[in-house]
Structure formats: structure tokens, C-alpha cells
C-alpha atoms as a PDB file:
ATOM      1  CA  MET A   1     -18.104  12.402  -9.649  1.00  0.00           C
ATOM      2  CA  LEU A   2     -16.528   9.949 -12.285  1.00  0.00           C
ATOM      3  CA  ILE A   3     -14.393  13.404 -12.720  1.00  0.00           C
ATOM      4  CA  LEU A   4     -13.564  14.316  -9.522  1.00  0.00           C
ATOM      5  CA  ALA A   5     -12.892  10.504  -8.750  1.00  0.00           C
ATOM      6  CA  ALA A   6     -10.178  10.265 -11.073  1.00  0.00           C
ATOM      7  CA  LEU A   7      -8.458  13.569 -10.526  1.00  0.00           C
ATOM      8  CA  ILE A   8      -8.587  12.373  -7.093  1.00  0.00           C
ATOM      9  CA  THR A   9      -6.692   8.908  -7.784  1.00  0.00           C
ATOM     10  CA  PHE A  10      -4.043  10.618 -10.552  1.00  0.00           C
ATOM     11  CA  ALA A  11      -2.910  12.933  -7.560  1.00  0.00           C
ATOM     12  CA  LEU A  12      -3.434  10.118  -4.817  1.00  0.00           C
ATOM     13  CA  THR A  13      -1.072   7.722  -6.399  1.00  0.00           C
ATOM     14  CA  THR A  14       1.096  10.006  -7.837  1.00  0.00           C
ATOM     15  CA  LEU A  15       1.640  11.055  -4.217  1.00  0.00           C
ATOM     16  CA  LEU A  16       1.491   7.646  -3.019  1.00  0.00           C
ATOM     17  CA  THR A  17       3.462   5.571  -5.374  1.00  0.00           C
ATOM     18  CA  LEU A  18       6.561   7.912  -4.422  1.00  0.00           C
ATOM     19  CA  ALA A  19       6.878   5.934  -1.169  1.00  0.00           C
ATOM     20  CA  GLY A  20       6.031   2.194  -2.998  1.00  0.00           C
ATOM     21  CA  VAL A  21       2.752   1.656  -1.127  1.00  0.00           C
ATOM     22  CA  GLY A  22       0.249   2.160  -3.066  1.00  0.00           C
ATOM     23  CA  ALA A  23      -2.942   4.476  -2.738  1.00  0.00           C
ATOM     24  CA  ALA A  24      -6.009   1.576  -1.525  1.00  0.00           C
ATOM     25  CA  PHE A  25      -5.602   2.782   1.601  1.00  0.00           C
ATOM     26  CA  ILE A  26      -6.696   6.498   0.757  1.00  0.00           C
ATOM     27  CA  LEU A  27      -8.489   6.241  -2.138  1.00  0.00           C
ATOM     28  CA  ILE A  28     -11.047   3.273   0.219  1.00  0.00           C
ATOM     29  CA  PRO A  29     -12.212   6.592   2.327  1.00  0.00           C
ATOM     30  CA  VAL A  30     -12.553   8.418  -0.894  1.00  0.00           C
ATOM     31  CA  PHE A  31     -14.594   5.644  -2.919  1.00  0.00           C
ATOM     32  CA  LEU A  32     -16.592   5.786   0.086  1.00  0.00           C
ATOM     33  CA  ALA A  33     -17.557   9.399   0.696  1.00  0.00           C
ATOM     34  CA  PHE A  34     -18.500   8.581  -3.017  1.00  0.00           C
ATOM     35  CA  GLY A  35     -21.304   6.085  -2.090  1.00  0.00           C
ATOM     36  CA  VAL A  36     -19.330   3.055  -2.922  1.00  0.00           C
ATOM     37  CA  GLU A  37     -20.056  -0.102  -0.379  1.00  0.00           C
ATOM     38  CA  LEU A  38     -16.999  -0.574   1.691  1.00  0.00           C
ATOM     39  CA  HIS A  39     -16.037  -4.124  -0.073  1.00  0.00           C
ATOM     40  CA  THR A  40     -16.691  -2.441  -3.263  1.00  0.00           C
ATOM     41  CA  ALA A  41     -14.557   0.143  -2.357  1.00  0.00           C
ATOM     42  CA  MET A  42     -11.595  -2.323  -1.332  1.00  0.00           C
ATOM     43  CA  ALA A  43     -11.995  -4.541  -4.686  1.00  0.00           C
ATOM     44  CA  THR A  44     -11.425  -1.554  -6.606  1.00  0.00           C
ATOM     45  CA  ALA A  45      -8.765   0.237  -4.685  1.00  0.00           C
ATOM     46  CA  LEU A  46      -6.670  -3.316  -4.425  1.00  0.00           C
ATOM     47  CA  LEU A  47      -6.722  -3.312  -8.322  1.00  0.00           C
ATOM     48  CA  LEU A  48      -5.936  -0.186  -9.056  1.00  0.00           C
ATOM     49  CA  ASN A  49      -2.884  -1.087  -6.774  1.00  0.00           C
ATOM     50  CA  ALA A  50      -1.737  -3.431  -8.625  1.00  0.00           C
ATOM     51  CA  ILE A  51      -2.046  -1.092 -11.650  1.00  0.00           C
ATOM     52  CA  ALA A  52      -0.140   1.566 -10.063  1.00  0.00           C
ATOM     53  CA  MET A  53       3.002  -0.926  -8.382  1.00  0.00           C
ATOM     54  CA  SER A  54       3.086  -3.063 -11.519  1.00  0.00           C
ATOM     55  CA  ILE A  55       3.643   0.000 -13.665  1.00  0.00           C
ATOM     56  CA  ALA A  56       6.362   2.058 -10.469  1.00  0.00           C
ATOM     57  CA  SER A  57       7.746  -1.609 -10.398  1.00  0.00           C
ATOM     58  CA  VAL A  58       9.206  -1.098 -14.263  1.00  0.00           C
ATOM     59  CA  THR A  59      10.620   1.986 -13.378  1.00  0.00           C
ATOM     60  CA  PHE A  60      12.331   0.784  -9.819  1.00  0.00           C
ATOM     61  CA  ILE A  61      13.592  -2.533 -11.350  1.00  0.00           C
ATOM     62  CA  ARG A  62      15.259  -0.677 -14.243  1.00  0.00           C
ATOM     63  CA  LYS A  63      17.303   1.721 -11.398  1.00  0.00           C
ATOM     64  CA  ARG A  64      18.333  -1.714  -9.465  1.00  0.00           C
ATOM     65  CA  LEU A  65      16.643  -0.575  -6.215  1.00  0.00           C
ATOM     66  CA  VAL A  66      14.507  -3.987  -5.520  1.00  0.00           C
ATOM     67  CA  GLU A  67      16.238  -6.469  -3.548  1.00  0.00           C
ATOM     68  CA  TRP A  68      14.612  -9.954  -4.357  1.00  0.00           C
ATOM     69  CA  ARG A  69      16.219 -11.424  -1.530  1.00  0.00           C
ATOM     70  CA  LEU A  70      13.651 -10.002   0.437  1.00  0.00           C
ATOM     71  CA  VAL A  71      10.824  -9.966  -1.718  1.00  0.00           C
ATOM     72  CA  LEU A  72      10.780 -13.175  -2.202  1.00  0.00           C
ATOM     73  CA  PRO A  73      10.168 -14.461   1.212  1.00  0.00           C
ATOM     74  CA  MET A  74       8.020 -12.234   1.425  1.00  0.00           C
ATOM     75  CA  LEU A  75       5.840 -12.266  -1.886  1.00  0.00           C
ATOM     76  CA  VAL A  76       5.463 -16.197  -0.995  1.00  0.00           C
ATOM     77  CA  LEU A  77       3.719 -15.016   2.520  1.00  0.00           C
ATOM     78  CA  ALA A  78       1.969 -12.401   1.555  1.00  0.00           C
ATOM     79  CA  ILE A  79       0.061 -13.479  -1.400  1.00  0.00           C
ATOM     80  CA  ILE A  80      -0.758 -16.836   0.866  1.00  0.00           C
ATOM     81  CA  THR A  81      -1.905 -15.103   3.924  1.00  0.00           C
ATOM     82  CA  SER A  82      -4.406 -12.364   2.177  1.00  0.00           C
ATOM     83  CA  PRO A  83      -6.897 -13.859   1.965  1.00  0.00           C
ATOM     84  CA  LEU A  84      -7.078 -15.244   5.367  1.00  0.00           C
ATOM     85  CA  GLY A  85      -6.969 -11.038   6.241  1.00  0.00           C
ATOM     86  CA  VAL A  86      -9.920 -10.871   3.626  1.00  0.00           C
ATOM     87  CA  GLN A  87     -12.053 -13.274   5.284  1.00  0.00           C
ATOM     88  CA  VAL A  88     -11.501 -12.452   8.976  1.00  0.00           C
ATOM     89  CA  GLY A  89     -12.563  -8.901   7.929  1.00  0.00           C
ATOM     90  CA  HIS A  90     -15.905 -10.227   6.264  1.00  0.00           C
ATOM     91  CA  GLY A  91     -17.051 -11.307   9.460  1.00  0.00           C
ATOM     92  CA  LEU A  92     -16.245  -8.047  11.265  1.00  0.00           C
ATOM     93  CA  ASP A  93     -18.445  -4.893  12.093  1.00  0.00           C
ATOM     94  CA  ARG A  94     -18.474  -2.102   9.636  1.00  0.00           C
ATOM     95  CA  SER A  95     -17.245   0.025  12.278  1.00  0.00           C
ATOM     96  CA  LEU A  96     -14.640  -1.968  14.118  1.00  0.00           C
ATOM     97  CA  LEU A  97     -13.020  -3.129  10.515  1.00  0.00           C
ATOM     98  CA  LEU A  98     -12.806   0.967   9.717  1.00  0.00           C
ATOM     99  CA  TRP A  99     -11.871   1.897  13.948  1.00  0.00           C
ATOM    100  CA  LEU A 100      -8.926  -0.785  12.833  1.00  0.00           C
ATOM    101  CA  PHE A 101      -8.287   1.194   9.615  1.00  0.00           C
ATOM    102  CA  VAL A 102      -7.092   4.476  11.651  1.00  0.00           C
ATOM    103  CA  VAL A 103      -5.515   2.897  14.193  1.00  0.00           C
ATOM    104  CA  PHE A 104      -3.095   1.218  11.460  1.00  0.00           C
ATOM    105  CA  LEU A 105      -2.774   4.584  10.070  1.00  0.00           C
ATOM    106  CA  LEU A 106      -1.435   6.246  12.711  1.00  0.00           C
ATOM    107  CA  PHE A 107       1.044   3.324  13.448  1.00  0.00           C
ATOM    108  CA  ALA A 108       2.276   3.145  10.225  1.00  0.00           C
ATOM    109  CA  ALA A 109       2.811   7.223  10.555  1.00  0.00           C
ATOM    110  CA  SER A 110       4.213   7.137  13.550  1.00  0.00           C
ATOM    111  CA  MET A 111       7.011   4.919  11.915  1.00  0.00           C
ATOM    112  CA  MET A 112       7.858   7.142   9.414  1.00  0.00           C
ATOM    113  CA  LEU A 113       8.220  10.077  11.254  1.00  0.00           C
ATOM    114  CA  PHE A 114       9.798   9.019  14.461  1.00  0.00           C
ATOM    115  CA  TYR A 115      11.569   5.944  13.922  1.00  0.00           C
ATOM    116  CA  ARG A 116      15.446   5.979  13.383  1.00  0.00           C
ATOM    117  CA  PRO A 117      16.870   3.008  12.060  1.00  0.00           C
ATOM    118  CA  ARG A 118      20.392   1.547  12.816  1.00  0.00           C
ATOM    119  CA  HIS A 119      22.342   1.885   9.517  1.00  0.00           C
ATOM    120  CA  ARG A 120      22.307  -1.755   7.612  1.00  0.00           C
ATOM    121  CA  ALA A 121      25.490  -3.315   6.855  1.00  0.00           C
ATOM    122  CA  GLU A 122      26.028  -3.694   3.235  1.00  0.00           C
ATOM    123  CA  LYS A 123      26.412  -7.451   3.535  1.00  0.00           C
ATOM    124  CA  VAL A 124      23.023  -9.502   5.814  1.00  0.00           C
ATOM    125  CA  PRO A 125      23.081 -13.045   6.291  1.00  0.00           C
ATOM    126  CA  ALA A 126      20.954 -15.023   3.992  1.00  0.00           C
ATOM    127  CA  ALA A 127      19.293 -16.419   6.678  1.00  0.00           C
ATOM    128  CA  GLN A 128      18.273 -13.316   8.643  1.00  0.00           C
ATOM    129  CA  GLU A 129      17.090 -11.729   5.152  1.00  0.00           C
ATOM    130  CA  LEU A 130      14.786 -14.570   4.861  1.00  0.00           C
ATOM    131  CA  ALA A 131      13.146 -14.520   8.558  1.00  0.00           C
ATOM    132  CA  LEU A 132      12.324 -11.020   8.098  1.00  0.00           C
ATOM    133  CA  GLY A 133      10.894 -11.636   4.643  1.00  0.00           C
ATOM    134  CA  LEU A 134       8.891 -14.438   6.000  1.00  0.00           C
ATOM    135  CA  SER A 135       7.831 -12.168   9.042  1.00  0.00           C
ATOM    136  CA  VAL A 136       7.426  -8.860   7.331  1.00  0.00           C
ATOM    137  CA  GLY A 137       5.230 -11.188   4.187  1.00  0.00           C
ATOM    138  CA  SER A 138       3.285 -12.754   6.366  1.00  0.00           C
ATOM    139  CA  LEU A 139       1.874  -9.806   8.001  1.00  0.00           C
ATOM    140  CA  ALA A 140       1.754  -7.513   5.686  1.00  0.00           C
ATOM    141  CA  GLY A 141      -0.578 -10.288   3.618  1.00  0.00           C
ATOM    142  CA  PHE A 142      -2.925 -10.435   6.877  1.00  0.00           C
ATOM    143  CA  VAL A 143      -3.191  -6.884   7.641  1.00  0.00           C
ATOM    144  CA  GLY A 144      -3.580  -6.029   3.906  1.00  0.00           C
ATOM    145  CA  GLY A 145      -5.908  -8.387   3.144  1.00  0.00           C
ATOM    146  CA  LEU A 146      -7.920  -7.201   6.474  1.00  0.00           C
ATOM    147  CA  LEU A 147      -8.346  -3.262   5.803  1.00  0.00           C
ATOM    148  CA  GLY A 148      -7.835  -3.860   2.126  1.00  0.00           C
ATOM    149  CA  VAL A 149      -4.722  -2.132   1.995  1.00  0.00           C
ATOM    150  CA  GLY A 150      -2.165  -3.813   0.349  1.00  0.00           C
ATOM    151  CA  GLY A 151       0.554  -3.946   2.626  1.00  0.00           C
ATOM    152  CA  GLY A 152       2.506  -1.802   1.897  1.00  0.00           C
ATOM    153  CA  ASN A 153       2.141   0.494   4.507  1.00  0.00           C
ATOM    154  CA  ILE A 154       3.722  -2.170   6.587  1.00  0.00           C
ATOM    155  CA  ILE A 155       6.556  -3.304   4.072  1.00  0.00           C
ATOM    156  CA  VAL A 156       8.134   0.343   3.962  1.00  0.00           C
ATOM    157  CA  PRO A 157       8.281   0.925   7.918  1.00  0.00           C
ATOM    158  CA  ALA A 158       9.424  -2.446   8.696  1.00  0.00           C
ATOM    159  CA  LEU A 159      12.311  -2.841   6.127  1.00  0.00           C
ATOM    160  CA  VAL A 160      13.156   0.882   6.504  1.00  0.00           C
ATOM    161  CA  SER A 161      13.276   0.334  10.711  1.00  0.00           C
ATOM    162  CA  ALA A 162      15.848  -2.945   9.853  1.00  0.00           C
ATOM    163  CA  GLY A 163      18.086  -0.480   8.149  1.00  0.00           C
ATOM    164  CA  LEU A 164      17.208  -0.379   4.188  1.00  0.00           C
ATOM    165  CA  GLU A 165      17.280   2.572   2.711  1.00  0.00           C
ATOM    166  CA  PRO A 166      14.114   3.930   2.191  1.00  0.00           C
ATOM    167  CA  LYS A 167      13.735   4.245  -1.950  1.00  0.00           C
ATOM    168  CA  ARG A 168      15.100   0.838  -1.737  1.00  0.00           C
ATOM    169  CA  ALA A 169      12.209  -0.194   0.754  1.00  0.00           C
ATOM    170  CA  ALA A 170       9.579   1.237  -0.821  1.00  0.00           C
ATOM    171  CA  ALA A 171      10.985   0.272  -4.750  1.00  0.00           C
ATOM    172  CA  SER A 172      11.002  -3.510  -2.696  1.00  0.00           C
ATOM    173  CA  ALA A 173       7.604  -3.073  -1.402  1.00  0.00           C
ATOM    174  CA  SER A 174       5.968  -2.003  -4.471  1.00  0.00           C
ATOM    175  CA  PHE A 175       6.477  -5.517  -6.279  1.00  0.00           C
ATOM    176  CA  VAL A 176       5.164  -7.431  -3.115  1.00  0.00           C
ATOM    177  CA  VAL A 177       2.216  -5.093  -3.052  1.00  0.00           C
ATOM    178  CA  ILE A 178       1.429  -6.060  -7.011  1.00  0.00           C
ATOM    179  CA  PHE A 179       0.959  -9.438  -6.058  1.00  0.00           C
ATOM    180  CA  ALA A 180      -1.004  -8.968  -2.380  1.00  0.00           C
ATOM    181  CA  SER A 181      -3.554  -6.242  -3.934  1.00  0.00           C
ATOM    182  CA  LEU A 182      -4.207  -8.563  -6.758  1.00  0.00           C
ATOM    183  CA  SER A 183      -4.866 -11.451  -4.133  1.00  0.00           C
ATOM    184  CA  GLY A 184      -6.718  -9.142  -1.990  1.00  0.00           C
ATOM    185  CA  PHE A 185      -8.762  -7.830  -4.957  1.00  0.00           C
ATOM    186  CA  LEU A 186     -10.285 -11.566  -6.147  1.00  0.00           C
ATOM    187  CA  ALA A 187     -11.071 -12.384  -2.346  1.00  0.00           C
ATOM    188  CA  HIS A 188     -13.273  -9.364  -2.571  1.00  0.00           C
ATOM    189  CA  VAL A 189     -14.369  -9.208  -6.072  1.00  0.00           C
ATOM    190  CA  GLN A 190     -16.730 -12.226  -4.471  1.00  0.00           C
ATOM    191  CA  VAL A 191     -18.946  -9.829  -2.350  1.00  0.00           C
ATOM    192  CA  ALA A 192     -18.557  -6.762  -4.126  1.00  0.00           C
ATOM    193  CA  GLN A 193     -20.562  -4.969  -6.801  1.00  0.00           C
ATOM    194  CA  ILE A 194     -17.627  -3.478  -9.213  1.00  0.00           C
ATOM    195  CA  ASP A 195     -18.799  -0.061 -10.973  1.00  0.00           C
ATOM    196  CA  THR A 196     -17.282  -0.679 -14.143  1.00  0.00           C
ATOM    197  CA  ALA A 197     -17.365   3.140 -15.034  1.00  0.00           C
ATOM    198  CA  LEU A 198     -15.491   4.001 -11.840  1.00  0.00           C
ATOM    199  CA  LEU A 199     -12.635   1.011 -12.039  1.00  0.00           C
ATOM    200  CA  ALA A 200     -12.068   2.407 -15.768  1.00  0.00           C
ATOM    201  CA  THR A 201     -11.952   6.196 -15.105  1.00  0.00           C
ATOM    202  CA  THR A 202      -9.583   5.865 -12.049  1.00  0.00           C
ATOM    203  CA  ALA A 203      -7.670   3.026 -14.017  1.00  0.00           C
ATOM    204  CA  VAL A 204      -6.245   5.509 -16.524  1.00  0.00           C
ATOM    205  CA  MET A 205      -5.442   7.964 -13.668  1.00  0.00           C
ATOM    206  CA  THR A 206      -3.947   5.608 -11.794  1.00  0.00           C
ATOM    207  CA  ALA A 207      -1.293   4.772 -14.574  1.00  0.00           C
ATOM    208  CA  GLY A 208      -0.418   8.042 -15.098  1.00  0.00           C
ATOM    209  CA  GLY A 209      -0.158   8.671 -11.403  1.00  0.00           C
ATOM    210  CA  ALA A 210       2.220   5.566 -11.097  1.00  0.00           C
ATOM    211  CA  VAL A 211       4.414   6.784 -14.148  1.00  0.00           C
ATOM    212  CA  LEU A 212       4.835  10.458 -12.287  1.00  0.00           C
ATOM    213  CA  GLY A 213       5.272   9.157  -8.996  1.00  0.00           C
ATOM    214  CA  ALA A 214       8.377   6.434  -9.706  1.00  0.00           C
ATOM    215  CA  TRP A 215       9.776   9.355 -11.526  1.00  0.00           C
ATOM    216  CA  LEU A 216       9.825  12.035  -8.879  1.00  0.00           C
ATOM    217  CA  ALA A 217      10.577   8.993  -6.123  1.00  0.00           C
ATOM    218  CA  THR A 218      13.932   8.049  -8.516  1.00  0.00           C
ATOM    219  CA  GLU A 219      15.368  11.141 -10.080  1.00  0.00           C
ATOM    220  CA  LYS A 220      14.012  14.225  -7.469  1.00  0.00           C
ATOM    221  CA  LEU A 221      13.594  13.911  -4.165  1.00  0.00           C
ATOM    222  CA  ARG A 222      15.361  12.608  -1.120  1.00  0.00           C
ATOM    223  CA  ALA A 223      14.172   9.832   1.423  1.00  0.00           C
ATOM    224  CA  GLU A 224      13.395  12.578   4.558  1.00  0.00           C
ATOM    225  CA  GLN A 225      10.593  14.552   2.218  1.00  0.00           C
ATOM    226  CA  LEU A 226       9.114  11.304   1.093  1.00  0.00           C
ATOM    227  CA  LYS A 227       8.517  10.205   4.789  1.00  0.00           C
ATOM    228  CA  ARG A 228       7.612  12.841   6.027  1.00  0.00           C
ATOM    229  CA  ILE A 229       5.121  13.510   2.972  1.00  0.00           C
ATOM    230  CA  ILE A 230       3.372  10.247   3.587  1.00  0.00           C
ATOM    231  CA  ALA A 231       3.120  10.526   7.273  1.00  0.00           C
ATOM    232  CA  LEU A 232       1.467  13.546   7.057  1.00  0.00           C
ATOM    233  CA  VAL A 233      -1.361  11.949   4.427  1.00  0.00           C
ATOM    234  CA  LEU A 234      -1.732   8.761   6.921  1.00  0.00           C
ATOM    235  CA  ILE A 235      -2.604  10.823   9.797  1.00  0.00           C
ATOM    236  CA  LEU A 236      -5.138  12.644   7.530  1.00  0.00           C
ATOM    237  CA  VAL A 237      -7.086  10.537   6.447  1.00  0.00           C
ATOM    238  CA  ALA A 238      -6.747   8.316   9.723  1.00  0.00           C
ATOM    239  CA  ILE A 239      -8.197  11.568  11.224  1.00  0.00           C
ATOM    240  CA  LYS A 240     -10.837  12.085   8.465  1.00  0.00           C
ATOM    241  CA  THR A 241     -11.914   8.310   8.683  1.00  0.00           C
ATOM    242  CA  ALA A 242     -12.356   9.074  12.506  1.00  0.00           C
ATOM    243  CA  ILE A 243     -14.463  11.853  12.072  1.00  0.00           C
ATOM    244  CA  ASP A 244     -17.184  10.271  10.014  1.00  0.00           C
ATOM    245  CA  LEU A 245     -17.183   7.281  12.379  1.00  0.00           C
ATOM    246  CA  TRP A 246     -17.404   9.496  15.569  1.00  0.00           C
END
């Protein structure tokens, strides 16, 4: 089981690092399929998210792809609202929580596939960037904590819809996801029983997948290719989760 979990983690981390969202939202149903308890699966996946995005962000920062004026307000609000989402999630029925997860995946996939943003001007007023950062950070932190997904799948579509170039949106989201994931992990771990063998094995493969994914995102793939790949994965995971719940 550990070997299979490690291989799946490597593949999914590589794929999802391409878009700067982290693999937590896909790793959760994978861990659940292996019999891991829901909140334990969320805590483990969120910690792996933080590891992957920390490594990927080194590449994104070095390539000067991170939009810091958007990132800083997003970061503050995501950290504040993520634990609130976790607390709300603790009071919800498991089936309801997973159905919300399915809806979230389909929404994010539709945004990536069908929404065509307006072109973003090179110079945007600071107040407008601050408002965008605060609103996106609040929503991403709360939903990320509620569903154990780190928030990246809200940040990337929101920034792309605002006209930000997809690679810059992914790079900016990856930095915020580090701290949103850590915040969510610290809240979930209070009610979780972490499997140290699973965590150690998948953490190593997460690091390798993050390095490969960041390199592919910055050097090899075009924005439209990234968006289609991510949307397809989101839809497949939503279908699998819904079938399990039916």
C-alpha cells in the first residue's frame, strides 16, 4: 500500500504542481480509498501540499513569476479564514462534506475549461489589486480549510479570470497555498491520527513531484495545455468521489 500510495502521490503532485494548486484535493480521495480516516486524510494531504508548494515556489520565485502585490493580502486572509473553514467542517456530516467537495471540483474545472478572461493591463491600481487579493484570499482560505484542499483551485481560476497570465497565476497561488495548507493542517491534526509511515513515504515522493512539476510548468508546457490537463483531472476525481457516495 505504501509503495502504491507513494507512486500515486508522485504522479499527482507532478501534475498539480504544474498549475500551482497542490495535490491535496486529489490525494484526499486516494487516501480514503486506502482506508484512511477523513480528517487524517485531510491533514496528511494538506501537509504534503505545503511541502510541494514550498519546493515549487523556489523555482517560481527564481523565475520572477510571483505577483507579490496580490500574494501578500491573499496570504494574510487565507491564514485567518482557513481555521474557520476547518471548524465548520468538523460540524458537518461526512457525506455532506464530500458532496461539497464534488461541487467544488466541478466548479473549478468549468472555470478552467470555459471561462475566457479579459486581458489584464500591465499596470493595475494598487487599490484594485488589494481588493482582489483580500477577497480571493478570504474565500480560498475558508473553502480550503472546509474541504482540506489548500485553496489553490480557487485562487488560480480567480486570478486567471481577472486577466492574469496563467503561469503567473499558478506561481502566485503556489506561495499562498503553502501557508493556507499549513494553517489547515494544524487545525485538522488536532483530531487526526497521522500514519507516520504513510506521511514519510509520500513526503519524499511529493518533493520529487514538485521539482519535476515546477520545471515542466516553467519550461515546457503552454498555459492552455495546463488548464485542460487540470480540468480533466478535476472532473475525473469529482466523478469518482460522487460514485463512491451514491
